PDB file of N, CA and C in Angstrom:
ATOM      1  N   UNK A   1     -23.532 -29.390 -38.682  1.00  0.00           N
ATOM      2  CA  UNK A   1     -22.779 -30.269 -37.827  1.00  0.00           C
ATOM      3  C   UNK A   1     -21.290 -29.963 -37.888  1.00  0.00           C
ATOM      4  N   UNK A   2     -20.819 -29.751 -39.088  1.00  0.00           N
ATOM      5  CA  UNK A   2     -19.414 -29.419 -39.266  1.00  0.00           C
ATOM      6  C   UNK A   2     -19.086 -28.088 -38.606  1.00  0.00           C
ATOM      7  N   UNK A   3     -20.012 -27.167 -38.684  1.00  0.00           N
ATOM      8  CA  UNK A   3     -19.823 -25.868 -38.049  1.00  0.00           C
ATOM      9  C   UNK A   3     -19.728 -26.025 -36.536  1.00  0.00           C
ATOM     10  N   UNK A   4     -20.575 -26.868 -35.965  1.00  0.00           N
ATOM     11  CA  UNK A   4     -20.529 -27.128 -34.521  1.00  0.00           C
ATOM     12  C   UNK A   4     -19.185 -27.726 -34.109  1.00  0.00           C
ATOM     13  N   UNK A   5     -18.668 -28.626 -34.920  1.00  0.00           N
ATOM     14  CA  UNK A   5     -17.372 -29.232 -34.622  1.00  0.00           C
ATOM     15  C   UNK A   5     -16.263 -28.188 -34.644  1.00  0.00           C
ATOM     16  N   UNK A   6     -16.317 -27.271 -35.616  1.00  0.00           N
ATOM     17  CA  UNK A   6     -15.309 -26.219 -35.715  1.00  0.00           C
ATOM     18  C   UNK A   6     -15.370 -25.301 -34.492  1.00  0.00           C
ATOM     19  N   UNK A   7     -16.597 -24.930 -34.117  1.00  0.00           N
ATOM     20  CA  UNK A   7     -16.762 -24.042 -32.964  1.00  0.00           C
ATOM     21  C   UNK A   7     -16.253 -24.731 -31.705  1.00  0.00           C
ATOM     22  N   UNK A   8     -16.628 -25.979 -31.583  1.00  0.00           N
ATOM     23  CA  UNK A   8     -16.198 -26.753 -30.410  1.00  0.00           C
ATOM     24  C   UNK A   8     -14.680 -26.880 -30.379  1.00  0.00           C
ATOM     25  N   UNK A   9     -14.094 -27.191 -31.516  1.00  0.00           N
ATOM     26  CA  UNK A   9     -12.646 -27.352 -31.547  1.00  0.00           C
ATOM     27  C   UNK A   9     -11.942 -26.018 -31.296  1.00  0.00           C
ATOM     28  N   UNK A  10     -12.509 -24.928 -31.778  1.00  0.00           N
ATOM     29  CA  UNK A  10     -11.888 -23.617 -31.521  1.00  0.00           C
ATOM     30  C   UNK A  10     -11.984 -23.273 -30.033  1.00  0.00           C
ATOM     31  N   UNK A  11     -13.088 -23.641 -29.423  1.00  0.00           N
ATOM     32  CA  UNK A  11     -13.216 -23.425 -27.979  1.00  0.00           C
ATOM     33  C   UNK A  11     -12.155 -24.230 -27.219  1.00  0.00           C
ATOM     34  N   UNK A  12     -12.013 -25.489 -27.614  1.00  0.00           N
ATOM     35  CA  UNK A  12     -11.019 -26.335 -26.969  1.00  0.00           C
ATOM     36  C   UNK A  12      -9.618 -25.783 -27.163  1.00  0.00           C
ATOM     37  N   UNK A  13      -9.325 -25.307 -28.341  1.00  0.00           N
ATOM     38  CA  UNK A  13      -7.999 -24.768 -28.609  1.00  0.00           C
ATOM     39  C   UNK A  13      -7.755 -23.512 -27.791  1.00  0.00           C
ATOM     40  N   UNK A  14      -8.759 -22.646 -27.733  1.00  0.00           N
ATOM     41  CA  UNK A  14      -8.574 -21.417 -26.967  1.00  0.00           C
ATOM     42  C   UNK A  14      -8.461 -21.752 -25.480  1.00  0.00           C
ATOM     43  N   UNK A  15      -9.225 -22.730 -25.051  1.00  0.00           N
ATOM     44  CA  UNK A  15      -9.166 -23.133 -23.654  1.00  0.00           C
ATOM     45  C   UNK A  15      -7.817 -23.765 -23.353  1.00  0.00           C
ATOM     46  N   UNK A  16      -7.344 -24.628 -24.227  1.00  0.00           N
ATOM     47  CA  UNK A  16      -6.045 -25.253 -23.987  1.00  0.00           C
ATOM     48  C   UNK A  16      -4.932 -24.208 -24.069  1.00  0.00           C
ATOM     49  N   UNK A  17      -5.079 -23.219 -24.922  1.00  0.00           N
ATOM     50  CA  UNK A  17      -4.094 -22.148 -24.993  1.00  0.00           C
ATOM     51  C   UNK A  17      -4.045 -21.386 -23.672  1.00  0.00           C
ATOM     52  N   UNK A  18      -5.218 -21.083 -23.129  1.00  0.00           N
ATOM     53  CA  UNK A  18      -5.276 -20.396 -21.837  1.00  0.00           C
ATOM     54  C   UNK A  18      -4.654 -21.249 -20.746  1.00  0.00           C
ATOM     55  N   UNK A  19      -4.946 -22.550 -20.778  1.00  0.00           N
ATOM     56  CA  UNK A  19      -4.397 -23.441 -19.760  1.00  0.00           C
ATOM     57  C   UNK A  19      -2.880 -23.495 -19.851  1.00  0.00           C
ATOM     58  N   UNK A  20      -2.358 -23.498 -21.091  1.00  0.00           N
ATOM     59  CA  UNK A  20      -0.901 -23.517 -21.236  1.00  0.00           C
ATOM     60  C   UNK A  20      -0.294 -22.258 -20.660  1.00  0.00           C
ATOM     61  N   UNK A  21      -0.976 -21.143 -20.796  1.00  0.00           N
ATOM     62  CA  UNK A  21      -0.463 -19.898 -20.243  1.00  0.00           C
ATOM     63  C   UNK A  21      -0.525 -19.911 -18.718  1.00  0.00           C
ATOM     64  N   UNK A  22      -1.596 -20.467 -18.165  1.00  0.00           N
ATOM     65  CA  UNK A  22      -1.771 -20.467 -16.724  1.00  0.00           C
ATOM     66  C   UNK A  22      -0.976 -21.570 -16.032  1.00  0.00           C
ATOM     67  N   UNK A  23      -0.711 -22.634 -16.739  1.00  0.00           N
ATOM     68  CA  UNK A  23      -0.058 -23.783 -16.111  1.00  0.00           C
ATOM     69  C   UNK A  23       1.288 -23.446 -15.477  1.00  0.00           C
ATOM     70  N   UNK A  24       2.173 -22.735 -16.148  1.00  0.00           N
ATOM     71  CA  UNK A  24       3.438 -22.422 -15.478  1.00  0.00           C
ATOM     72  C   UNK A  24       3.240 -21.633 -14.189  1.00  0.00           C
ATOM     73  N   UNK A  25       2.297 -20.725 -14.182  1.00  0.00           N
ATOM     74  CA  UNK A  25       2.016 -19.971 -12.964  1.00  0.00           C
ATOM     75  C   UNK A  25       1.470 -20.881 -11.875  1.00  0.00           C
ATOM     76  N   UNK A  26       0.534 -21.749 -12.268  1.00  0.00           N
ATOM     77  CA  UNK A  26      -0.031 -22.684 -11.298  1.00  0.00           C
ATOM     78  C   UNK A  26       1.045 -23.624 -10.777  1.00  0.00           C
ATOM     79  N   UNK A  27       1.878 -24.102 -11.695  1.00  0.00           N
ATOM     80  CA  UNK A  27       2.954 -25.003 -11.274  1.00  0.00           C
ATOM     81  C   UNK A  27       3.911 -24.300 -10.319  1.00  0.00           C
ATOM     82  N   UNK A  28       4.238 -23.059 -10.634  1.00  0.00           N
ATOM     83  CA  UNK A  28       5.146 -22.299  -9.769  1.00  0.00           C
ATOM     84  C   UNK A  28       4.527 -22.098  -8.388  1.00  0.00           C
ATOM     85  N   UNK A  29       3.241 -21.751  -8.359  1.00  0.00           N
ATOM     86  CA  UNK A  29       2.563 -21.585  -7.077  1.00  0.00           C
ATOM     87  C   UNK A  29       2.518 -22.892  -6.297  1.00  0.00           C
ATOM     88  N   UNK A  30       2.261 -23.971  -7.008  1.00  0.00           N
ATOM     89  CA  UNK A  30       2.208 -25.286  -6.358  1.00  0.00           C
ATOM     90  C   UNK A  30       3.582 -25.652  -5.797  1.00  0.00           C
ATOM     91  N   UNK A  31       4.645 -25.410  -6.560  1.00  0.00           N
ATOM     92  CA  UNK A  31       5.999 -25.690  -6.073  1.00  0.00           C
ATOM     93  C   UNK A  31       6.323 -24.840  -4.850  1.00  0.00           C
ATOM     94  N   UNK A  32       5.948 -23.571  -4.900  1.00  0.00           N
ATOM     95  CA  UNK A  32       6.197 -22.695  -3.753  1.00  0.00           C
ATOM     96  C   UNK A  32       5.436 -23.192  -2.529  1.00  0.00           C
ATOM     97  N   UNK A  33       4.205 -23.620  -2.737  1.00  0.00           N
ATOM     98  CA  UNK A  33       3.396 -24.134  -1.643  1.00  0.00           C
ATOM     99  C   UNK A  33       4.031 -25.395  -1.045  1.00  0.00           C
ATOM    100  N   UNK A  34       4.519 -26.271  -1.928  1.00  0.00           N
ATOM    101  CA  UNK A  34       5.169 -27.489  -1.450  1.00  0.00           C
ATOM    102  C   UNK A  34       6.455 -27.159  -0.682  1.00  0.00           C
ATOM    103  N   UNK A  35       7.201 -26.176  -1.149  1.00  0.00           N
ATOM    104  CA  UNK A  35       8.425 -25.780  -0.451  1.00  0.00           C
ATOM    105  C   UNK A  35       8.114 -25.231   0.930  1.00  0.00           C
ATOM    106  N   UNK A  36       7.054 -24.448   1.022  1.00  0.00           N
ATOM    107  CA  UNK A  36       6.650 -23.900   2.319  1.00  0.00           C
ATOM    108  C   UNK A  36       6.231 -25.028   3.256  1.00  0.00           C
ATOM    109  N   UNK A  37       5.473 -25.994   2.730  1.00  0.00           N
ATOM    110  CA  UNK A  37       5.055 -27.139   3.544  1.00  0.00           C
ATOM    111  C   UNK A  37       6.257 -27.939   4.034  1.00  0.00           C
ATOM    112  N   UNK A  38       7.222 -28.183   3.137  1.00  0.00           N
ATOM    113  CA  UNK A  38       8.423 -28.929   3.538  1.00  0.00           C
ATOM    114  C   UNK A  38       9.210 -28.176   4.601  1.00  0.00           C
ATOM    115  N   UNK A  39       9.335 -26.879   4.435  1.00  0.00           N
ATOM    116  CA  UNK A  39      10.054 -26.062   5.413  1.00  0.00           C
ATOM    117  C   UNK A  39       9.356 -26.120   6.771  1.00  0.00           C
ATOM    118  N   UNK A  40       8.031 -26.045   6.753  1.00  0.00           N
ATOM    119  CA  UNK A  40       7.255 -26.125   7.991  1.00  0.00           C
ATOM    120  C   UNK A  40       7.451 -27.483   8.658  1.00  0.00           C
ATOM    121  N   UNK A  41       7.410 -28.558   7.867  1.00  0.00           N
ATOM    122  CA  UNK A  41       7.595 -29.895   8.418  1.00  0.00           C
ATOM    123  C   UNK A  41       8.990 -30.052   9.015  1.00  0.00           C
ATOM    124  N   UNK A  42      10.013 -29.506   8.349  1.00  0.00           N
ATOM    125  CA  UNK A  42      11.372 -29.579   8.895  1.00  0.00           C
ATOM    126  C   UNK A  42      11.476 -28.824  10.211  1.00  0.00           C
ATOM    127  N   UNK A  43      10.823 -27.661  10.277  1.00  0.00           N
ATOM    128  CA  UNK A  43      10.840 -26.880  11.518  1.00  0.00           C
ATOM    129  C   UNK A  43      10.152 -27.645  12.637  1.00  0.00           C
ATOM    130  N   UNK A  44       9.016 -28.269  12.336  1.00  0.00           N
ATOM    131  CA  UNK A  44       8.301 -29.050  13.341  1.00  0.00           C
ATOM    132  C   UNK A  44       9.142 -30.231  13.809  1.00  0.00           C
ATOM    133  N   UNK A  45       9.813 -30.884  12.884  1.00  0.00           N
ATOM    134  CA  UNK A  45      10.667 -32.015  13.238  1.00  0.00           C
ATOM    135  C   UNK A  45      11.821 -31.551  14.130  1.00  0.00           C
ATOM    136  N   UNK A  46      12.422 -30.424  13.798  1.00  0.00           N
ATOM    137  CA  UNK A  46      13.508 -29.889  14.640  1.00  0.00           C
ATOM    138  C   UNK A  46      13.021 -29.577  16.043  1.00  0.00           C
ATOM    139  N   UNK A  47      11.830 -28.994  16.153  1.00  0.00           N
ATOM    140  CA  UNK A  47      11.275 -28.686  17.476  1.00  0.00           C
ATOM    141  C   UNK A  47      11.083 -29.951  18.292  1.00  0.00           C
ATOM    142  N   UNK A  48      10.540 -30.984  17.661  1.00  0.00           N
ATOM    143  CA  UNK A  48      10.291 -32.238  18.373  1.00  0.00           C
ATOM    144  C   UNK A  48      11.600 -32.905  18.776  1.00  0.00           C
ATOM    145  N   UNK A  49      12.608 -32.835  17.909  1.00  0.00           N
ATOM    146  CA  UNK A  49      13.908 -33.397  18.261  1.00  0.00           C
ATOM    147  C   UNK A  49      14.540 -32.644  19.426  1.00  0.00           C
ATOM    148  N   UNK A  50      14.383 -31.323  19.444  1.00  0.00           N
ATOM    149  CA  UNK A  50      14.910 -30.528  20.564  1.00  0.00           C
ATOM    150  C   UNK A  50      14.224 -30.921  21.870  1.00  0.00           C
ATOM    151  N   UNK A  51      12.904 -31.121  21.826  1.00  0.00           N
ATOM    152  CA  UNK A  51      12.180 -31.544  23.026  1.00  0.00           C
ATOM    153  C   UNK A  51      12.688 -32.898  23.501  1.00  0.00           C
ATOM    154  N   UNK A  52      12.899 -33.808  22.570  1.00  0.00           N
ATOM    155  CA  UNK A  52      13.402 -35.135  22.923  1.00  0.00           C
ATOM    156  C   UNK A  52      14.805 -35.042  23.501  1.00  0.00           C
ATOM    157  N   UNK A  53      15.628 -34.169  22.941  1.00  0.00           N
ATOM    158  CA  UNK A  53      16.984 -33.985  23.472  1.00  0.00           C
ATOM    159  C   UNK A  53      16.948 -33.497  24.908  1.00  0.00           C
ATOM    160  N   UNK A  54      15.990 -32.648  25.221  1.00  0.00           N
ATOM    161  CA  UNK A  54      15.887 -32.141  26.593  1.00  0.00           C
ATOM    162  C   UNK A  54      15.365 -33.199  27.552  1.00  0.00           C
ATOM    163  N   UNK A  55      14.542 -34.117  27.062  1.00  0.00           N
ATOM    164  CA  UNK A  55      13.963 -35.155  27.921  1.00  0.00           C
ATOM    165  C   UNK A  55      14.972 -36.239  28.298  1.00  0.00           C
ATOM    166  N   UNK A  56      15.834 -36.583  27.361  1.00  0.00           N
ATOM    167  CA  UNK A  56      16.756 -37.698  27.553  1.00  0.00           C
ATOM    168  C   UNK A  56      18.051 -37.183  28.173  1.00  0.00           C
ATOM    169  N   UNK A  57      18.502 -37.806  29.276  1.00  0.00           N
ATOM    170  CA  UNK A  57      19.787 -37.390  29.848  1.00  0.00           C
ATOM    171  C   UNK A  57      20.918 -37.612  28.846  1.00  0.00           C
ATOM    172  N   UNK A  58      21.711 -36.592  28.629  1.00  0.00           N
ATOM    173  CA  UNK A  58      22.807 -36.674  27.664  1.00  0.00           C
ATOM    174  C   UNK A  58      22.350 -36.488  26.234  1.00  0.00           C
ATOM    175  N   UNK A  59      21.100 -36.191  26.034  1.00  0.00           N
ATOM    176  CA  UNK A  59      20.565 -36.062  24.674  1.00  0.00           C
ATOM    177  C   UNK A  59      20.979 -34.779  23.989  1.00  0.00           C
ATOM    178  N   UNK A  60      21.305 -33.765  24.763  1.00  0.00           N
ATOM    179  CA  UNK A  60      21.662 -32.487  24.142  1.00  0.00           C
ATOM    180  C   UNK A  60      23.006 -32.548  23.434  1.00  0.00           C
ATOM    181  N   UNK A  61      23.853 -33.511  23.814  1.00  0.00           N
ATOM    182  CA  UNK A  61      25.133 -33.657  23.128  1.00  0.00           C
ATOM    183  C   UNK A  61      24.988 -34.408  21.807  1.00  0.00           C
ATOM    184  N   UNK A  62      23.895 -35.142  21.656  1.00  0.00           N
ATOM    185  CA  UNK A  62      23.690 -35.931  20.446  1.00  0.00           C
ATOM    186  C   UNK A  62      23.107 -35.040  19.353  1.00  0.00           C
ATOM    187  N   UNK A  63      23.809 -34.933  18.242  1.00  0.00           N
ATOM    188  CA  UNK A  63      23.376 -34.058  17.151  1.00  0.00           C
ATOM    189  C   UNK A  63      22.605 -34.800  16.072  1.00  0.00           C
ATOM    190  N   UNK A  64      22.966 -36.054  15.838  1.00  0.00           N
ATOM    191  CA  UNK A  64      22.303 -36.811  14.776  1.00  0.00           C
ATOM    192  C   UNK A  64      21.054 -37.482  15.323  1.00  0.00           C
ATOM    193  N   UNK A  65      20.007 -37.486  14.524  1.00  0.00           N
ATOM    194  CA  UNK A  65      18.715 -38.014  14.958  1.00  0.00           C
ATOM    195  C   UNK A  65      18.784 -39.511  15.232  1.00  0.00           C
ATOM    196  N   UNK A  66      19.496 -40.268  14.395  1.00  0.00           N
ATOM    197  CA  UNK A  66      19.533 -41.714  14.612  1.00  0.00           C
ATOM    198  C   UNK A  66      20.234 -42.071  15.912  1.00  0.00           C
ATOM    199  N   UNK A  67      21.295 -41.340  16.268  1.00  0.00           N
ATOM    200  CA  UNK A  67      21.960 -41.572  17.556  1.00  0.00           C
ATOM    201  C   UNK A  67      21.029 -41.218  18.711  1.00  0.00           C
ATOM    202  N   UNK A  68      20.268 -40.151  18.519  1.00  0.00           N
ATOM    203  CA  UNK A  68      19.322 -39.738  19.553  1.00  0.00           C
ATOM    204  C   UNK A  68      18.250 -40.808  19.757  1.00  0.00           C
ATOM    205  N   UNK A  69      17.766 -41.404  18.674  1.00  0.00           N
ATOM    206  CA  UNK A  69      16.743 -42.439  18.786  1.00  0.00           C
ATOM    207  C   UNK A  69      17.283 -43.689  19.474  1.00  0.00           C
ATOM    208  N   UNK A  70      18.509 -44.065  19.163  1.00  0.00           N
ATOM    209  CA  UNK A  70      19.112 -45.232  19.812  1.00  0.00           C
ATOM    210  C   UNK A  70      19.285 -44.962  21.304  1.00  0.00           C
ATOM    211  N   UNK A  71      19.768 -43.771  21.638  1.00  0.00           N
ATOM    212  CA  UNK A  71      19.950 -43.390  23.042  1.00  0.00           C
ATOM    213  C   UNK A  71      18.596 -43.366  23.768  1.00  0.00           C
ATOM    214  N   UNK A  72      17.569 -42.889  23.087  1.00  0.00           N
ATOM    215  CA  UNK A  72      16.225 -42.848  23.662  1.00  0.00           C
ATOM    216  C   UNK A  72      15.707 -44.253  23.946  1.00  0.00           C
ATOM    217  N   UNK A  73      15.926 -45.161  23.011  1.00  0.00           N
ATOM    218  CA  UNK A  73      15.485 -46.547  23.211  1.00  0.00           C
ATOM    219  C   UNK A  73      16.205 -47.174  24.405  1.00  0.00           C
ATOM    220  N   UNK A  74      17.494 -46.904  24.528  1.00  0.00           N
ATOM    221  CA  UNK A  74      18.246 -47.422  25.675  1.00  0.00           C
ATOM    222  C   UNK A  74      17.710 -46.847  26.986  1.00  0.00           C
ATOM    223  N   UNK A  75      17.397 -45.566  26.963  1.00  0.00           N
ATOM    224  CA  UNK A  75      16.884 -44.909  28.174  1.00  0.00           C
ATOM    225  C   UNK A  75      15.516 -45.475  28.562  1.00  0.00           C
ATOM    226  N   UNK A  76      14.689 -45.755  27.573  1.00  0.00           N
ATOM    227  CA  UNK A  76      13.368 -46.348  27.852  1.00  0.00           C
ATOM    228  C   UNK A  76      13.534 -47.724  28.485  1.00  0.00           C
ATOM    229  N   UNK A  77      14.468 -48.510  27.959  1.00  0.00           N
ATOM    230  CA  UNK A  77      14.717 -49.841  28.537  1.00  0.00           C
ATOM    231  C   UNK A  77      15.219 -49.712  29.978  1.00  0.00           C
ATOM    232  N   UNK A  78      16.077 -48.737  30.252  1.00  0.00           N
ATOM    233  CA  UNK A  78      16.564 -48.513  31.606  1.00  0.00           C
ATOM    234  C   UNK A  78      15.416 -48.143  32.544  1.00  0.00           C
ATOM    235  N   UNK A  79      14.529 -47.268  32.083  1.00  0.00           N
ATOM    236  CA  UNK A  79      13.385 -46.876  32.908  1.00  0.00           C
ATOM    237  C   UNK A  79      12.463 -48.067  33.174  1.00  0.00           C
ATOM    238  N   UNK A  80      12.248 -48.898  32.164  1.00  0.00           N
ATOM    239  CA  UNK A  80      11.416 -50.094  32.366  1.00  0.00           C
ATOM    240  C   UNK A  80      12.036 -51.022  33.400  1.00  0.00           C
ATOM    241  N   UNK A  81      13.362 -51.195  33.329  1.00  0.00           N
ATOM    242  CA  UNK A  81      14.048 -52.031  34.301  1.00  0.00           C
ATOM    243  C   UNK A  81      13.886 -51.466  35.710  1.00  0.00           C
ATOM    244  N   UNK A  82      14.042 -50.139  35.843  1.00  0.00           N
ATOM    245  CA  UNK A  82      13.900 -49.514  37.164  1.00  0.00           C
ATOM    246  C   UNK A  82      12.487 -49.695  37.712  1.00  0.00           C
ATOM    247  N   UNK A  83      11.495 -49.551  36.864  1.00  0.00           N
ATOM    248  CA  UNK A  83      10.107 -49.728  37.301  1.00  0.00           C
ATOM    249  C   UNK A  83       9.875 -51.157  37.769  1.00  0.00           C
ATOM    250  N   UNK A  84      10.349 -52.129  36.988  1.00  0.00           N
ATOM    251  CA  UNK A  84      10.143 -53.529  37.391  1.00  0.00           C
ATOM    252  C   UNK A  84      10.900 -53.838  38.679  1.00  0.00           C
ATOM    253  N   UNK A  85      12.084 -53.259  38.854  1.00  0.00           N
ATOM    254  CA  UNK A  85      12.844 -53.458  40.090  1.00  0.00           C
ATOM    255  C   UNK A  85      12.101 -52.868  41.279  1.00  0.00           C
ATOM    256  N   UNK A  86      11.586 -51.666  41.118  1.00  0.00           N
ATOM    257  CA  UNK A  86      10.833 -51.038  42.212  1.00  0.00           C
ATOM    258  C   UNK A  86       9.557 -51.805  42.524  1.00  0.00           C
ATOM    259  N   UNK A  87       8.894 -52.316  41.493  1.00  0.00           N
ATOM    260  CA  UNK A  87       7.692 -53.119  41.734  1.00  0.00           C
ATOM    261  C   UNK A  87       8.033 -54.395  42.500  1.00  0.00           C
ATOM    262  N   UNK A  88       9.149 -55.020  42.133  1.00  0.00           N
ATOM    263  CA  UNK A  88       9.555 -56.233  42.832  1.00  0.00           C
ATOM    264  C   UNK A  88       9.902 -55.916  44.286  1.00  0.00           C
ATOM    265  N   UNK A  89      10.585 -54.804  44.516  1.00  0.00           N
ATOM    266  CA  UNK A  89      10.946 -54.417  45.882  1.00  0.00           C
ATOM    267  C   UNK A  89       9.722 -54.094  46.723  1.00  0.00           C
ATOM    268  N   UNK A  90       8.751 -53.407  46.130  1.00  0.00           N
ATOM    269  CA  UNK A  90       7.555 -53.059  46.898  1.00  0.00           C
ATOM    270  C   UNK A  90       6.713 -54.291  47.189  1.00  0.00           C
ATOM    271  N   UNK A  91       6.650 -55.231  46.253  1.00  0.00           N
ATOM    272  CA  UNK A  91       5.879 -56.448  46.536  1.00  0.00           C
ATOM    273  C   UNK A  91       6.588 -57.285  47.596  1.00  0.00           C
ATOM    274  N   UNK A  92       7.894 -57.314  47.572  1.00  0.00           N
ATOM    275  CA  UNK A  92       8.667 -58.032  48.591  1.00  0.00           C
ATOM    276  C   UNK A  92       8.482 -57.346  49.941  1.00  0.00           C
ATOM    277  N   UNK A  93       8.499 -56.025  49.930  1.00  0.00           N
ATOM    278  CA  UNK A  93       8.313 -55.252  51.156  1.00  0.00           C
ATOM    279  C   UNK A  93       6.912 -55.455  51.718  1.00  0.00           C
ATOM    280  N   UNK A  94       5.923 -55.547  50.841  1.00  0.00           N
ATOM    281  CA  UNK A  94       4.539 -55.723  51.293  1.00  0.00           C
ATOM    282  C   UNK A  94       4.351 -57.091  51.939  1.00  0.00           C
ATOM    283  N   UNK A  95       4.990 -58.124  51.417  1.00  0.00           N
ATOM    284  CA  UNK A  95       4.837 -59.457  52.008  1.00  0.00           C
ATOM    285  C   UNK A  95       5.578 -59.553  53.332  1.00  0.00           C
ATOM    286  N   UNK A  96       6.724 -58.895  53.438  1.00  0.00           N
ATOM    287  CA  UNK A  96       7.461 -58.967  54.699  1.00  0.00           C
ATOM    288  C   UNK A  96       6.828 -58.080  55.762  1.00  0.00           C
ATOM    289  N   UNK A  97       6.152 -57.028  55.369  1.00  0.00           N
ATOM    290  CA  UNK A  97       5.506 -56.164  56.355  1.00  0.00           C
ATOM    291  C   UNK A  97       4.235 -56.798  56.908  1.00  0.00           C
ATOM    292  N   UNK A  98       3.675 -57.769  56.211  1.00  0.00           N
ATOM    293  CA  UNK A  98       2.480 -58.446  56.739  1.00  0.00           C
ATOM    294  C   UNK A  98       2.843 -59.340  57.919  1.00  0.00           C
ATOM    295  N   UNK A  99       4.135 -59.686  58.078  1.00  0.00           N
ATOM    296  CA  UNK A  99       4.592 -60.491  59.213  1.00  0.00           C
ATOM    297  C   UNK A  99       4.748 -59.655  60.478  1.00  0.00           C
ATOM    298  N   UNK A 100       4.669 -58.354  60.358  1.00  0.00           N
ATOM    299  CA  UNK A 100       4.865 -57.473  61.519  1.00  0.00           C
ATOM    300  C   UNK A 100       3.529 -57.011  62.064  1.00  0.00           C
ATOM    301  N   UNK A 101       3.526 -56.626  63.335  1.00  0.00           N
ATOM    302  CA  UNK A 101       2.297 -56.070  63.906  1.00  0.00           C
ATOM    303  C   UNK A 101       2.300 -54.560  63.712  1.00  0.00           C
ATOM    304  N   UNK A 102       1.364 -53.856  64.317  1.00  0.00           N
ATOM    305  CA  UNK A 102       1.219 -52.417  64.124  1.00  0.00           C
ATOM    306  C   UNK A 102       2.429 -51.632  64.604  1.00  0.00           C
ATOM    307  N   UNK A 103       3.162 -52.121  65.553  1.00  0.00           N
ATOM    308  CA  UNK A 103       4.317 -51.396  66.096  1.00  0.00           C
ATOM    309  C   UNK A 103       5.574 -51.627  65.276  1.00  0.00           C
ATOM    310  N   UNK A 104       5.543 -52.517  64.304  1.00  0.00           N
ATOM    311  CA  UNK A 104       6.710 -52.780  63.489  1.00  0.00           C
ATOM    312  C   UNK A 104       7.556 -53.927  64.004  1.00  0.00           C
ATOM    313  N   UNK A 105       7.123 -54.598  65.063  1.00  0.00           N
ATOM    314  CA  UNK A 105       7.866 -55.749  65.584  1.00  0.00           C
ATOM    315  C   UNK A 105       7.266 -57.021  65.030  1.00  0.00           C
ATOM    316  N   UNK A 106       8.068 -58.058  64.937  1.00  0.00           N
ATOM    317  CA  UNK A 106       7.585 -59.324  64.423  1.00  0.00           C
ATOM    318  C   UNK A 106       6.642 -59.976  65.426  1.00  0.00           C
ATOM    319  N   UNK A 107       5.610 -60.616  64.912  1.00  0.00           N
ATOM    320  CA  UNK A 107       4.664 -61.315  65.791  1.00  0.00           C
ATOM    321  C   UNK A 107       5.320 -62.623  66.243  1.00  0.00           C
ATOM    322  N   UNK A 108       4.958 -63.056  67.440  1.00  0.00           N
ATOM    323  CA  UNK A 108       5.580 -64.250  68.029  1.00  0.00           C
ATOM    324  C   UNK A 108       5.260 -65.511  67.256  1.00  0.00           C
ATOM    325  N   UNK A 109       4.111 -65.551  66.608  1.00  0.00           N
ATOM    326  CA  UNK A 109       3.738 -66.776  65.901  1.00  0.00           C
ATOM    327  C   UNK A 109       4.663 -67.045  64.726  1.00  0.00           C
ATOM    328  N   UNK A 110       5.251 -66.003  64.171  1.00  0.00           N
ATOM    329  CA  UNK A 110       6.134 -66.172  63.006  1.00  0.00           C
ATOM    330  C   UNK A 110       7.575 -66.434  63.412  1.00  0.00           C
ATOM    331  N   UNK A 111       7.925 -66.192  64.680  1.00  0.00           N
ATOM    332  CA  UNK A 111       9.325 -66.353  65.105  1.00  0.00           C
ATOM    333  C   UNK A 111       9.615 -67.768  65.454  1.00  0.00           C
TER     334      UNK A 111
END
């Protein structure tokens, strides 16, 4: 039994020794992999910001991301306002056009 414990402990020691030797290499590879991933993510973020700058009027002059996001939010609100205005105009136009006949003149019953 004691012999088995010695053999087992020697195996563990040799295994842990090997792991200590490999760990710095593994850690270095892992760090390099993480650096590559971060670099890739930064590149992807830059690409998306460039696309957003091209979409938003005046966005190409904005260099900081937070200013670009604020400008984008303002632009979205402006577009929503324009859509609601156009919807209101078309609904108003549709109700007033129902008072006209096919030729575009007002029907006598409404005058």
